[in-house]
Amino acid sequence: MGDPQVRLLGYAAATLTTASFFPQAIKTLRSGDTRGISLRMYLLFTLGIAAWALYGLLQRDGPVLIANLVTLVPAGVVLERKLRSLRR
């Protein structure tokens, strides 16, 4: 499983990057405003997160898997809101 200190560093980094994503997602959910959000960027970002989660699963890399599964939820919600706003 590797060095426990390195794994702890991985979980700390994953926590920081994942936590950094939530304020934007919460702001978007509260305001409903997605005009400043690029559809292409969020689509690529969400697909990338899903791919990283799959990679983490296949490599049995807990920090990569967990961070990306957690980030996939708000990223998916923001992407869904952006797509919904374009249909109006």
Protein backbone atom coordinates (compact mmCIF):
# COMPACT_ATOMS: atom_id res chain seq x y z
CA MET A 1 0.00 0.00 0.00
CA GLY A 2 3.00 2.33 0.16
CA ASP A 3 4.40 4.65 2.76
CA PRO A 4 1.67 5.71 5.23
CA GLN A 5 3.01 9.27 5.34
CA VAL A 6 2.85 9.57 1.56
CA ARG A 7 -0.69 8.15 1.60
CA LEU A 8 -1.62 10.70 4.29
CA LEU A 9 -0.20 13.44 2.09
CA GLY A 10 -2.37 12.14 -0.75
CA TYR A 11 -5.50 12.27 1.39
CA ALA A 12 -4.62 15.79 2.61
CA ALA A 13 -4.09 17.01 -0.97
CA ALA A 14 -7.31 15.32 -2.08
CA THR A 15 -9.22 16.97 0.78
CA LEU A 16 -7.92 20.42 -0.10
CA THR A 17 -8.62 20.22 -3.82
CA THR A 18 -12.03 18.65 -3.30
CA ALA A 19 -13.02 21.20 -0.65
CA SER A 20 -11.94 24.03 -2.92
CA PHE A 21 -14.59 23.03 -5.45
CA PHE A 22 -17.60 23.20 -3.13
CA PRO A 23 -17.93 27.02 -2.72
CA GLN A 24 -18.50 27.50 -6.47
CA ALA A 25 -20.98 24.65 -6.61
CA ILE A 26 -22.91 26.00 -3.61
CA LYS A 27 -22.93 29.52 -5.07
CA THR A 28 -24.27 28.19 -8.36
CA LEU A 29 -26.98 26.16 -6.61
CA ARG A 30 -28.08 29.10 -4.45
CA SER A 31 -28.08 31.73 -7.19
CA GLY A 32 -29.09 29.53 -10.10
CA ASP A 33 -26.81 31.70 -12.26
CA THR A 34 -24.73 29.69 -14.69
CA ARG A 35 -24.04 32.43 -17.25
CA GLY A 36 -20.39 32.70 -16.21
CA ILE A 37 -19.81 28.96 -16.46
CA SER A 38 -18.35 27.48 -19.61
CA LEU A 39 -20.29 24.41 -20.74
CA ARG A 40 -17.25 22.97 -22.52
CA MET A 41 -15.04 23.45 -19.48
CA TYR A 42 -17.51 21.82 -17.09
CA LEU A 43 -18.21 18.98 -19.47
CA LEU A 44 -14.50 18.25 -19.88
CA PHE A 45 -13.88 18.76 -16.16
CA THR A 46 -16.66 16.37 -15.15
CA LEU A 47 -15.55 13.73 -17.64
CA GLY A 48 -11.97 14.13 -16.40
CA ILE A 49 -13.05 13.67 -12.80
CA ALA A 50 -14.97 10.53 -13.74
CA ALA A 51 -11.90 9.21 -15.57
CA TRP A 52 -9.66 9.96 -12.55
CA ALA A 53 -12.12 8.16 -10.28
CA LEU A 54 -12.02 5.12 -12.57
CA TYR A 55 -8.23 5.31 -12.60
CA GLY A 56 -8.19 5.46 -8.80
CA LEU A 57 -10.46 2.42 -8.65
CA LEU A 58 -8.37 0.41 -11.10
CA GLN A 59 -5.10 1.38 -9.38
CA ARG A 60 -6.61 0.91 -5.91
CA ASP A 61 -5.49 4.42 -5.08
CA GLY A 62 -7.76 5.58 -2.26
CA PRO A 63 -6.95 9.31 -2.30
CA VAL A 64 -7.48 9.59 -6.05
CA LEU A 65 -10.65 7.51 -5.99
CA ILE A 66 -12.32 9.18 -3.01
CA ALA A 67 -11.42 12.75 -3.95
CA ASN A 68 -12.76 12.34 -7.45
CA LEU A 69 -15.93 10.53 -6.42
CA VAL A 70 -16.69 13.31 -3.94
CA THR A 71 -15.89 16.06 -6.47
CA LEU A 72 -17.96 14.32 -9.13
CA VAL A 73 -21.16 15.03 -7.20
CA PRO A 74 -21.03 18.85 -7.16
CA ALA A 75 -19.41 18.97 -10.60
CA GLY A 76 -22.25 16.87 -11.97
CA VAL A 77 -24.82 19.09 -10.29
CA VAL A 78 -23.28 22.28 -11.70
CA LEU A 79 -23.07 20.69 -15.16
CA GLU A 80 -26.70 19.62 -14.92
CA ARG A 81 -27.73 23.17 -13.94
CA LYS A 82 -25.76 24.61 -16.86
CA LEU A 83 -27.41 22.20 -19.30
CA ARG A 84 -30.83 22.96 -17.84
CA SER A 85 -30.24 26.72 -18.21
CA LEU A 86 -29.43 26.25 -21.90
CA ARG A 87 -32.74 24.45 -22.51
CA ARG A 88 -34.77 27.42 -21.29
